Amino acid sequence: MSSVALSFVIPLFYSADTITDVVREIDALDVSGGHEIILVNDGSTDRTSEVCRDLIRTARVPITLVEHARNFGEHNAVLTGWRHSRGRHIVNLDDDGQNPPAEAVRLWEHAVASGLDVVFGNYEVKQHSSFRNLGSWFTNRVTDFVLDKPPGFYLSSFRCVTAFVATQVAAYAGPYPYIDGLILQVTQRIDSIRVRHEERHAGESTYTMRRLIRLWLSAWINFSLVPLRVAGILGVVMAAVGVVAFLVVAWLWLRDVGPTYGFGWLMAALLIFSGTQLVLLGLIGEYIGRMFLTVNQRPQSVVRCVVSNRPTTGTHDCP
């Protein structure tokens, strides 16, 4: 297929009330070399699919709608979009209008001018909820230790990547992708620029604590051995504390001094050490479980159908 200069990849999840404005704004852009829009409906059960089909019929730029068979998650949907993109550069942005398309063009222009592989958008003022801002801050602080990135470098989901990076990252077939971790395995030619972040056009964010925890686990466990090393250090520290406590108790017993050590003290010690062991076993089990699901080829995503207004593809109905 002939390529275009820039692809806009937008993962969708209950986006019927917001995606029209976003697509129309992108449609009105004048991008040298041409641009296209890739919409990935990640299992929405509202009118998202119907709204996207209407946009396909009326837009002047090529639009491709990829329908997932069920909800797989934002990062999985972005990788699906990258696989269907023809752009020499790809920008992925949110479906709620908080990432202005004009700012996406700025990311692309900076990537082209600098020759960098990835340019992240660093928000001047974040318009997310306090809960999501806290989750993003925590994720970025932890990834300073577990990912090979410059300390303090802000990773955001608003990014522009080259087709080379997108192709390399999209080759990952594991069921728990973390895009920033995959990017940093491919390249360190990265940068960021300050961008605007606007209020959500409609509705509420679908980010929940469960989704954030899943993202954290993907960032920490899939791309680093640091959690296992921390677990090992914690085990050594707890064992050392136990040895010291044993020596202290033996010394007091030999001197026949000190208070009476009864059932309460014993149970407290057992609970501390048993709880620590269970946490470490759970961490190891998470690693083994993800390896098991990967070996058994749990799908990263399942595409039900693709609808497009590209002349070489044509529009067809999903079953």
Protein backbone atom coordinates (compact mmCIF):
# COMPACT_ATOMS: atom_id res chain seq x y z
CA MET A 1 0.00 0.00 0.00
CA SER A 2 1.11 3.57 -0.63
CA SER A 3 2.16 5.31 2.55
CA VAL A 4 1.14 8.64 4.03
CA ALA A 5 3.16 11.06 6.11
CA LEU A 6 1.20 10.69 9.35
CA SER A 7 -1.24 8.20 10.86
CA PHE A 8 -3.48 9.12 13.79
CA VAL A 9 -4.22 6.02 15.88
CA ILE A 10 -7.08 6.35 18.37
CA PRO A 11 -8.16 3.50 20.68
CA LEU A 12 -11.88 3.69 21.43
CA PHE A 13 -13.81 2.54 24.47
CA TYR A 14 -17.33 3.92 24.89
CA SER A 15 -16.46 6.90 22.70
CA ALA A 16 -19.77 7.60 20.96
CA ASP A 17 -20.12 11.06 22.53
CA THR A 18 -16.56 12.27 21.92
CA ILE A 19 -15.02 10.72 18.82
CA THR A 20 -16.94 12.77 16.22
CA ASP A 21 -15.34 16.08 17.24
CA VAL A 22 -11.89 14.52 17.39
CA VAL A 23 -12.15 12.95 13.93
CA ARG A 24 -13.57 16.09 12.34
CA GLU A 25 -10.73 18.16 13.77
CA ILE A 26 -8.16 15.72 12.38
CA ASP A 27 -10.02 15.60 9.06
CA ALA A 28 -9.66 19.38 8.73
CA LEU A 29 -5.89 19.35 9.22
CA ASP A 30 -3.53 20.07 6.34
CA VAL A 31 -0.61 17.64 6.70
CA SER A 32 2.10 17.75 4.05
CA GLY A 33 2.33 14.28 2.56
CA GLY A 34 -1.16 13.29 3.63
CA HIS A 35 -2.61 11.71 6.75
CA GLU A 36 -5.02 8.99 7.78
CA ILE A 37 -7.03 7.98 10.84
CA ILE A 38 -7.03 4.51 12.41
CA LEU A 39 -9.84 3.90 14.90
CA VAL A 40 -9.70 0.77 17.08
CA ASN A 41 -12.99 -0.03 18.80
CA ASP A 42 -11.87 -2.01 21.85
CA GLY A 43 -15.07 -3.86 22.66
CA SER A 44 -17.41 -0.90 23.18
CA THR A 45 -21.07 -1.92 23.44
CA ASP A 46 -22.56 1.56 22.98
CA ARG A 47 -23.00 3.40 19.65
CA THR A 48 -19.25 3.83 19.09
CA SER A 49 -19.15 1.51 16.08
CA GLU A 50 -22.19 3.13 14.45
CA VAL A 51 -20.79 6.64 14.94
CA CYS A 52 -17.44 5.61 13.42
CA ARG A 53 -19.13 4.14 10.35
CA ASP A 54 -20.94 7.42 9.77
CA LEU A 55 -17.62 9.25 10.01
CA ILE A 56 -16.07 6.88 7.47
CA ARG A 57 -18.78 7.74 4.95
CA THR A 58 -18.37 11.51 5.31
CA ALA A 59 -14.64 12.10 5.98
CA ARG A 60 -12.29 13.37 3.26
CA VAL A 61 -9.22 11.59 4.66
CA PRO A 62 -8.78 7.82 4.73
CA ILE A 63 -10.27 6.27 7.86
CA THR A 64 -9.97 2.67 8.96
CA LEU A 65 -12.11 1.21 11.73
CA VAL A 66 -10.76 -1.95 13.38
CA GLU A 67 -13.25 -3.82 15.56
CA HIS A 68 -11.92 -5.90 18.45
CA ALA A 69 -14.01 -8.94 19.35
CA ARG A 70 -13.95 -7.87 23.01
CA ASN A 71 -12.19 -5.45 25.33
CA PHE A 72 -8.45 -6.11 25.52
CA GLY A 73 -7.10 -2.85 26.95
CA GLU A 74 -5.70 0.45 25.67
CA HIS A 75 -2.15 -0.72 24.95
CA ASN A 76 -3.41 -3.78 23.08
CA ALA A 77 -5.68 -1.54 21.00
CA VAL A 78 -2.85 0.87 20.18
CA LEU A 79 -0.70 -2.01 18.89
CA THR A 80 -3.59 -3.18 16.70
CA GLY A 81 -3.82 0.34 15.29
CA TRP A 82 -0.09 0.46 14.61
CA ARG A 83 -0.36 -2.80 12.64
CA HIS A 84 -3.00 -1.25 10.36
CA SER A 85 -1.20 2.07 9.85
CA ARG A 86 0.54 3.20 6.66
CA GLY A 87 2.12 6.36 8.06
CA ARG A 88 5.84 7.05 8.04
CA HIS A 89 5.12 8.49 11.48
CA ILE A 90 2.31 7.52 13.83
CA VAL A 91 0.71 9.59 16.58
CA ASN A 92 -1.61 7.92 19.06
CA LEU A 93 -4.01 10.07 21.03
CA ASP A 94 -7.01 9.71 23.31
CA ASP A 95 -10.60 9.46 22.14
CA ASP A 96 -11.94 12.11 24.53
CA GLY A 97 -10.54 15.27 22.93
CA GLN A 98 -7.99 15.95 25.65
CA ASN A 99 -5.12 15.59 23.15
CA PRO A 100 -5.61 18.38 20.58
CA PRO A 101 -4.82 17.15 17.04
CA ALA A 102 -2.92 20.38 16.41
CA GLU A 103 -0.57 19.39 19.25
CA ALA A 104 -0.20 15.95 17.63
CA VAL A 105 1.02 17.69 14.48
CA ARG A 106 3.58 19.54 16.62
CA LEU A 107 4.88 16.20 17.92
CA TRP A 108 5.20 14.97 14.35
CA GLU A 109 6.96 18.13 13.14
CA HIS A 110 9.46 17.87 15.99
CA ALA A 111 10.10 14.19 15.22
CA VAL A 112 10.69 14.96 11.52
CA ALA A 113 12.92 17.97 12.21
CA SER A 114 15.02 16.19 14.85
CA GLY A 115 15.17 12.75 13.23
CA LEU A 116 14.22 11.14 16.54
CA ASP A 117 12.38 7.84 16.78
CA VAL A 118 9.90 8.87 19.49
CA VAL A 119 8.59 12.19 20.78
CA PHE A 120 6.39 12.22 23.87
CA GLY A 121 3.93 14.94 24.81
CA ASN A 122 4.66 16.43 28.23
CA TYR A 123 1.51 18.17 29.45
CA GLU A 124 1.80 21.76 30.61
CA VAL A 125 -1.22 21.35 32.91
CA LYS A 126 -2.86 17.93 33.19
CA GLN A 127 -6.65 17.95 33.08
CA HIS A 128 -7.09 14.41 34.38
CA SER A 129 -8.73 13.59 37.70
CA SER A 130 -6.62 13.67 40.86
CA PHE A 131 -6.83 9.87 41.04
CA ARG A 132 -5.44 9.39 37.53
CA ASN A 133 -2.77 12.08 38.00
CA LEU A 134 -1.60 10.28 41.14
CA GLY A 135 -1.52 6.97 39.28
CA SER A 136 0.49 8.49 36.40
CA TRP A 137 2.94 10.11 38.80
CA PHE A 138 3.44 6.83 40.66
CA THR A 139 3.91 4.87 37.44
CA ASN A 140 6.53 7.31 36.14
CA ARG A 141 8.45 7.30 39.43
CA VAL A 142 8.59 3.52 39.54
CA THR A 143 9.56 3.18 35.87
CA ASP A 144 12.58 5.36 36.67
CA PHE A 145 13.96 2.24 38.37
CA VAL A 146 12.59 -0.65 36.31
CA LEU A 147 12.92 0.73 32.76
CA ASP A 148 16.00 1.88 30.89
CA LYS A 149 14.99 5.50 30.51
CA PRO A 150 16.50 8.81 31.60
CA PRO A 151 15.60 9.46 35.27
CA GLY A 152 12.63 11.78 35.55
CA PHE A 153 11.77 11.54 31.84
CA TYR A 154 7.98 11.75 31.53
CA LEU A 155 6.32 8.92 29.61
CA SER A 156 2.83 9.69 28.32
CA SER A 157 0.33 7.93 26.10
CA PHE A 158 0.42 10.96 23.76
CA ARG A 159 3.39 10.11 21.55
CA CYS A 160 4.68 10.17 17.98
CA VAL A 161 6.75 7.23 16.73
CA THR A 162 8.38 6.35 13.45
CA ALA A 163 7.08 3.48 11.34
CA PHE A 164 10.31 1.63 12.15
CA VAL A 165 9.64 1.73 15.90
CA ALA A 166 5.96 0.91 15.43
CA THR A 167 6.82 -2.14 13.33
CA GLN A 168 9.35 -3.42 15.86
CA VAL A 169 7.05 -2.87 18.85
CA ALA A 170 3.96 -4.29 17.12
CA ALA A 171 5.86 -7.54 16.52
CA TYR A 172 5.42 -8.26 20.25
CA ALA A 173 2.69 -10.89 20.62
CA GLY A 174 2.49 -11.27 24.42
CA PRO A 175 -0.90 -10.84 26.12
CA TYR A 176 0.25 -8.05 28.48
CA PRO A 177 1.96 -5.34 26.40
CA TYR A 178 3.34 -2.15 27.92
CA ILE A 179 4.13 0.12 24.99
CA ASP A 180 6.64 2.43 26.68
CA GLY A 181 8.64 -0.57 27.91
CA LEU A 182 8.62 -2.04 24.41
CA ILE A 183 9.69 1.28 22.89
CA LEU A 184 12.64 1.58 25.25
CA GLN A 185 13.75 -1.91 24.27
CA VAL A 186 13.90 -0.77 20.64
CA THR A 187 15.38 2.75 20.83
CA GLN A 188 16.70 5.45 23.11
CA ARG A 189 16.44 8.19 20.50
CA ILE A 190 13.59 9.84 22.38
CA ASP A 191 12.56 13.33 23.40
CA SER A 192 9.55 15.22 24.71
CA ILE A 193 7.98 18.61 24.14
CA ARG A 194 5.45 20.61 26.14
CA VAL A 195 1.89 20.27 24.85
CA ARG A 196 -1.56 21.45 25.82
CA HIS A 197 -3.97 19.13 27.57
CA GLU A 198 -7.64 20.06 27.35
CA GLU A 199 -10.73 19.21 29.35
CA ARG A 200 -12.55 16.04 28.41
CA HIS A 201 -15.27 16.84 25.85
CA ALA A 202 -17.92 14.57 27.36
CA GLY A 203 -18.45 11.61 29.65
CA GLU A 204 -16.09 10.28 32.30
CA SER A 205 -12.76 8.50 32.19
CA THR A 206 -12.94 4.69 32.07
CA TYR A 207 -9.65 4.35 33.96
CA THR A 208 -10.15 2.42 37.17
CA MET A 209 -7.86 1.19 39.93
CA ARG A 210 -7.99 -2.27 38.36
CA ARG A 211 -6.75 -0.93 35.02
CA LEU A 212 -3.97 1.06 36.69
CA ILE A 213 -2.81 -1.98 38.68
CA ARG A 214 -2.80 -4.05 35.49
CA LEU A 215 -0.69 -1.35 33.80
CA TRP A 216 1.74 -1.23 36.75
CA LEU A 217 2.17 -5.00 36.71
CA SER A 218 2.83 -4.96 32.97
CA ALA A 219 5.44 -2.23 33.40
CA TRP A 220 7.23 -3.85 36.33
CA ILE A 221 6.98 -7.57 35.68
CA ASN A 222 7.10 -7.82 31.87
CA PHE A 223 10.17 -5.65 31.42
CA SER A 224 12.27 -5.91 34.56
CA LEU A 225 13.73 -8.30 37.13
CA VAL A 226 13.83 -5.54 39.75
CA PRO A 227 10.74 -6.84 41.64
CA LEU A 228 12.36 -10.27 41.99
CA ARG A 229 15.60 -8.70 43.16
CA VAL A 230 13.74 -6.57 45.69
CA ALA A 231 11.96 -9.71 46.87
CA GLY A 232 15.31 -11.44 47.30
CA ILE A 233 16.74 -8.51 49.28
CA LEU A 234 13.61 -8.38 51.44
CA GLY A 235 13.94 -12.11 52.13
CA VAL A 236 17.57 -11.69 53.19
CA VAL A 237 16.67 -8.74 55.45
CA MET A 238 13.82 -10.64 57.11
CA ALA A 239 16.06 -13.68 57.62
CA ALA A 240 18.74 -11.47 59.18
CA VAL A 241 16.17 -9.91 61.51
CA GLY A 242 15.05 -13.40 62.51
CA VAL A 243 18.62 -14.47 63.30
CA VAL A 244 19.26 -11.35 65.37
CA ALA A 245 15.99 -11.84 67.25
CA PHE A 246 16.93 -15.47 67.97
CA LEU A 247 20.32 -14.44 69.36
CA VAL A 248 18.74 -11.77 71.56
CA VAL A 249 16.18 -14.23 72.95
CA ALA A 250 18.92 -16.84 73.57
CA TRP A 251 21.06 -14.26 75.38
CA LEU A 252 18.14 -13.19 77.59
CA TRP A 253 17.32 -16.82 78.34
CA LEU A 254 20.90 -17.57 79.37
CA ARG A 255 20.95 -14.48 81.61
CA ASP A 256 17.53 -15.37 82.98
CA VAL A 257 16.40 -11.79 82.42
CA GLY A 258 13.73 -10.05 80.40
CA PRO A 259 9.97 -10.30 80.23
CA THR A 260 7.97 -13.46 79.78
CA TYR A 261 7.55 -14.27 76.06
CA GLY A 262 4.13 -15.75 75.49
CA PHE A 263 1.65 -16.69 72.82
CA GLY A 264 1.05 -13.13 71.56
CA TRP A 265 4.72 -12.47 70.78
CA LEU A 266 5.04 -15.82 69.03
CA MET A 267 1.97 -15.29 66.85
CA ALA A 268 3.05 -11.77 65.89
CA ALA A 269 6.39 -13.08 64.68
CA LEU A 270 4.72 -15.91 62.77
CA LEU A 271 2.30 -13.53 61.06
CA ILE A 272 5.10 -11.19 59.97
CA PHE A 273 7.28 -13.90 58.50
CA SER A 274 4.39 -15.90 57.02
CA GLY A 275 2.91 -12.78 55.41
CA THR A 276 6.27 -11.87 53.90
CA GLN A 277 6.65 -15.36 52.46
CA LEU A 278 3.17 -15.25 50.92
CA VAL A 279 3.87 -11.88 49.29
CA LEU A 280 7.11 -13.21 47.79
CA LEU A 281 5.40 -16.38 46.58
CA GLY A 282 2.63 -14.30 45.02
CA LEU A 283 5.18 -12.17 43.16
CA ILE A 284 6.98 -15.25 41.83
CA GLY A 285 3.60 -16.74 40.91
CA GLU A 286 2.74 -13.62 38.89
CA TYR A 287 5.90 -14.07 36.83
CA ILE A 288 5.22 -17.77 36.30
CA GLY A 289 1.54 -17.14 35.47
CA ARG A 290 2.38 -14.60 32.79
CA MET A 291 4.95 -16.95 31.32
CA PHE A 292 2.30 -19.70 31.27
CA LEU A 293 -0.25 -17.50 29.47
CA THR A 294 2.36 -16.37 26.94
CA VAL A 295 3.53 -19.91 26.21
CA ASN A 296 -0.10 -20.98 25.76
CA GLN A 297 -0.54 -18.10 23.29
CA ARG A 298 -3.25 -16.13 25.03
CA PRO A 299 -4.26 -13.60 22.36
CA GLN A 300 -3.10 -10.03 22.68
CA SER A 301 -6.17 -9.01 20.66
CA VAL A 302 -8.72 -10.51 18.28
CA VAL A 303 -9.84 -8.46 15.28
CA ARG A 304 -13.44 -9.14 14.31
CA CYS A 305 -13.36 -7.07 11.11
CA VAL A 306 -11.93 -3.99 9.42
CA VAL A 307 -13.99 -1.22 7.81
CA SER A 308 -12.33 1.47 5.70
CA ASN A 309 -12.94 4.13 3.06
CA ARG A 310 -9.57 3.51 1.43
CA PRO A 311 -10.06 3.00 -2.34
CA THR A 312 -8.02 -0.22 -2.24
CA THR A 313 -9.90 -1.62 0.74
CA GLY A 314 -13.52 -0.56 0.53
CA THR A 315 -16.15 -0.56 3.21
CA HIS A 316 -17.84 -3.76 4.26
CA ASP A 317 -20.09 -4.76 7.12
CA CYS A 318 -18.94 -6.73 10.11
CA PRO A 319 -20.70 -10.00 10.84
